[in-house]
Amino acid sequence: MTASGPFDFARYRPQSDGPMTSADGEMRAENLGELLDQVSKNSTGEIDSLICEFQRLREKLQIDGERIKREVEEYRALSQQVMELTKTISGSVEKVRASVDRPTRVPQEKD
């Protein structure tokens, strides 16, 4: 059964071999009961199937959410390490540059 169209009662025929209608053309009560039982079983089965599918999707969302949180934390920690390393390298480059730019003194001889 889908929500896209009207319900097809013809798919759910009672299983009894007797006539479905009484002499006056009305559906017999036991046949109507069987029909409603079949419709109910089918609807209940589809609802149960949907519940199972939603539970599976919920578990997947929870697992994926936890994985994403872990990966974001790992990325944050890695970014912090990269920033610290960049500062260290930058400081070292500045020290080297300062020592290269400094004029070297040549000792003068005394007479």
Protein backbone atom coordinates (compact mmCIF):
# COMPACT_ATOMS: atom_id res chain seq x y z
CA MET A 1 0.00 0.00 0.00
CA THR A 2 1.32 3.43 -0.88
CA ALA A 3 0.14 6.89 -0.07
CA SER A 4 0.13 7.80 -3.76
CA GLY A 5 -3.29 6.36 -4.61
CA PRO A 6 -6.56 5.04 -3.24
CA PHE A 7 -6.57 1.79 -1.30
CA ASP A 8 -7.16 -1.26 -3.52
CA PHE A 9 -9.61 -3.47 -1.64
CA ALA A 10 -9.68 -5.91 -4.56
CA ARG A 11 -6.18 -7.09 -3.62
CA TYR A 12 -7.49 -8.34 -0.30
CA ARG A 13 -10.04 -11.05 -1.11
CA PRO A 14 -11.32 -13.22 1.74
CA GLN A 15 -9.84 -16.71 1.71
CA SER A 16 -13.14 -18.60 2.12
CA ASP A 17 -14.56 -20.44 -0.87
CA GLY A 18 -18.18 -19.48 -0.10
CA PRO A 19 -20.07 -16.61 -1.67
CA MET A 20 -18.86 -13.19 -0.61
CA THR A 21 -22.29 -11.58 -0.73
CA SER A 22 -25.64 -12.51 0.72
CA ALA A 23 -28.79 -13.02 -1.33
CA ASP A 24 -29.61 -9.31 -1.13
CA GLY A 25 -26.18 -8.28 -2.54
CA GLU A 26 -24.65 -7.18 0.77
CA MET A 27 -21.18 -8.37 1.76
CA ARG A 28 -21.35 -11.08 4.37
CA ALA A 29 -20.03 -10.05 7.80
CA GLU A 30 -17.51 -12.88 8.06
CA ASN A 31 -16.08 -11.97 4.64
CA LEU A 32 -15.85 -8.33 5.65
CA GLY A 33 -14.09 -9.39 8.85
CA GLU A 34 -11.57 -11.46 6.89
CA LEU A 35 -10.97 -8.56 4.53
CA LEU A 36 -10.39 -6.16 7.41
CA ASP A 37 -8.04 -8.68 9.08
CA GLN A 38 -5.96 -8.94 5.92
CA VAL A 39 -5.83 -5.17 5.47
CA SER A 40 -4.90 -4.74 9.13
CA LYS A 41 -2.13 -7.35 8.91
CA ASN A 42 -0.69 -5.73 5.82
CA SER A 43 -0.84 -2.23 7.30
CA THR A 44 0.68 -3.40 10.58
CA GLY A 45 3.45 -5.17 8.69
CA GLU A 46 4.26 -2.03 6.72
CA ILE A 47 4.27 0.09 9.88
CA ASP A 48 6.58 -2.41 11.60
CA SER A 49 8.85 -2.35 8.58
CA LEU A 50 8.97 1.46 8.65
CA ILE A 51 9.71 1.46 12.38
CA CYS A 52 12.62 -0.93 11.83
CA GLU A 53 13.93 1.22 9.00
CA PHE A 54 13.69 4.39 11.11
CA GLN A 55 15.50 2.67 13.99
CA ARG A 56 18.26 1.58 11.61
CA LEU A 57 18.56 5.12 10.24
CA ARG A 58 18.62 6.57 13.76
CA GLU A 59 21.49 4.26 14.74
CA LYS A 60 23.37 5.22 11.58
CA LEU A 61 22.88 8.92 12.31
CA GLN A 62 24.15 8.44 15.86
CA ILE A 63 27.20 6.49 14.69
CA ASP A 64 27.96 9.01 11.94
CA GLY A 65 27.48 11.92 14.37
CA GLU A 66 29.94 10.41 16.84
CA ARG A 67 32.46 9.76 14.04
CA ILE A 68 32.15 13.34 12.79
CA LYS A 69 32.66 14.70 16.32
CA ARG A 70 35.83 12.61 16.68
CA GLU A 71 37.15 13.74 13.31
CA VAL A 72 36.45 17.41 14.08
CA GLU A 73 38.32 17.08 17.40
CA GLU A 74 41.25 15.37 15.65
CA TYR A 75 41.28 18.15 13.05
CA ARG A 76 41.22 20.81 15.79
CA ALA A 77 44.15 19.17 17.60
CA LEU A 78 46.12 18.82 14.37
CA SER A 79 45.44 22.45 13.44
CA GLN A 80 46.69 23.55 16.86
CA GLN A 81 49.89 21.54 16.39
CA VAL A 82 50.41 23.05 12.94
CA MET A 83 49.98 26.58 14.36
CA GLU A 84 52.54 25.90 17.11
CA LEU A 85 54.99 24.41 14.60
CA THR A 86 54.51 27.39 12.29
CA LYS A 87 55.29 29.80 15.15
CA THR A 88 58.43 27.82 16.03
CA ILE A 89 59.64 27.79 12.42
CA SER A 90 58.87 31.48 12.00
CA GLY A 91 60.83 32.33 15.15
CA SER A 92 63.78 30.24 13.99
CA VAL A 93 63.78 31.89 10.55
CA GLU A 94 63.77 35.33 12.18
CA LYS A 95 66.78 34.39 14.33
CA VAL A 96 68.70 33.11 11.30
CA ARG A 97 67.79 36.18 9.28
CA ALA A 98 68.91 38.49 12.11
CA SER A 99 72.25 36.71 12.43
CA VAL A 100 72.86 36.93 8.66
CA ASP A 101 71.92 40.61 8.48
CA ARG A 102 74.21 41.56 11.39
CA PRO A 103 77.48 43.05 10.16
CA THR A 104 80.44 40.99 11.12
CA ARG A 105 83.23 42.77 12.89
CA VAL A 106 86.71 42.25 11.67
CA PRO A 107 89.18 42.60 14.50
CA GLN A 108 91.56 45.46 13.94
CA GLU A 109 95.24 45.07 14.58
CA LYS A 110 96.90 47.34 17.09
CA ASP A 111 100.13 49.00 16.11
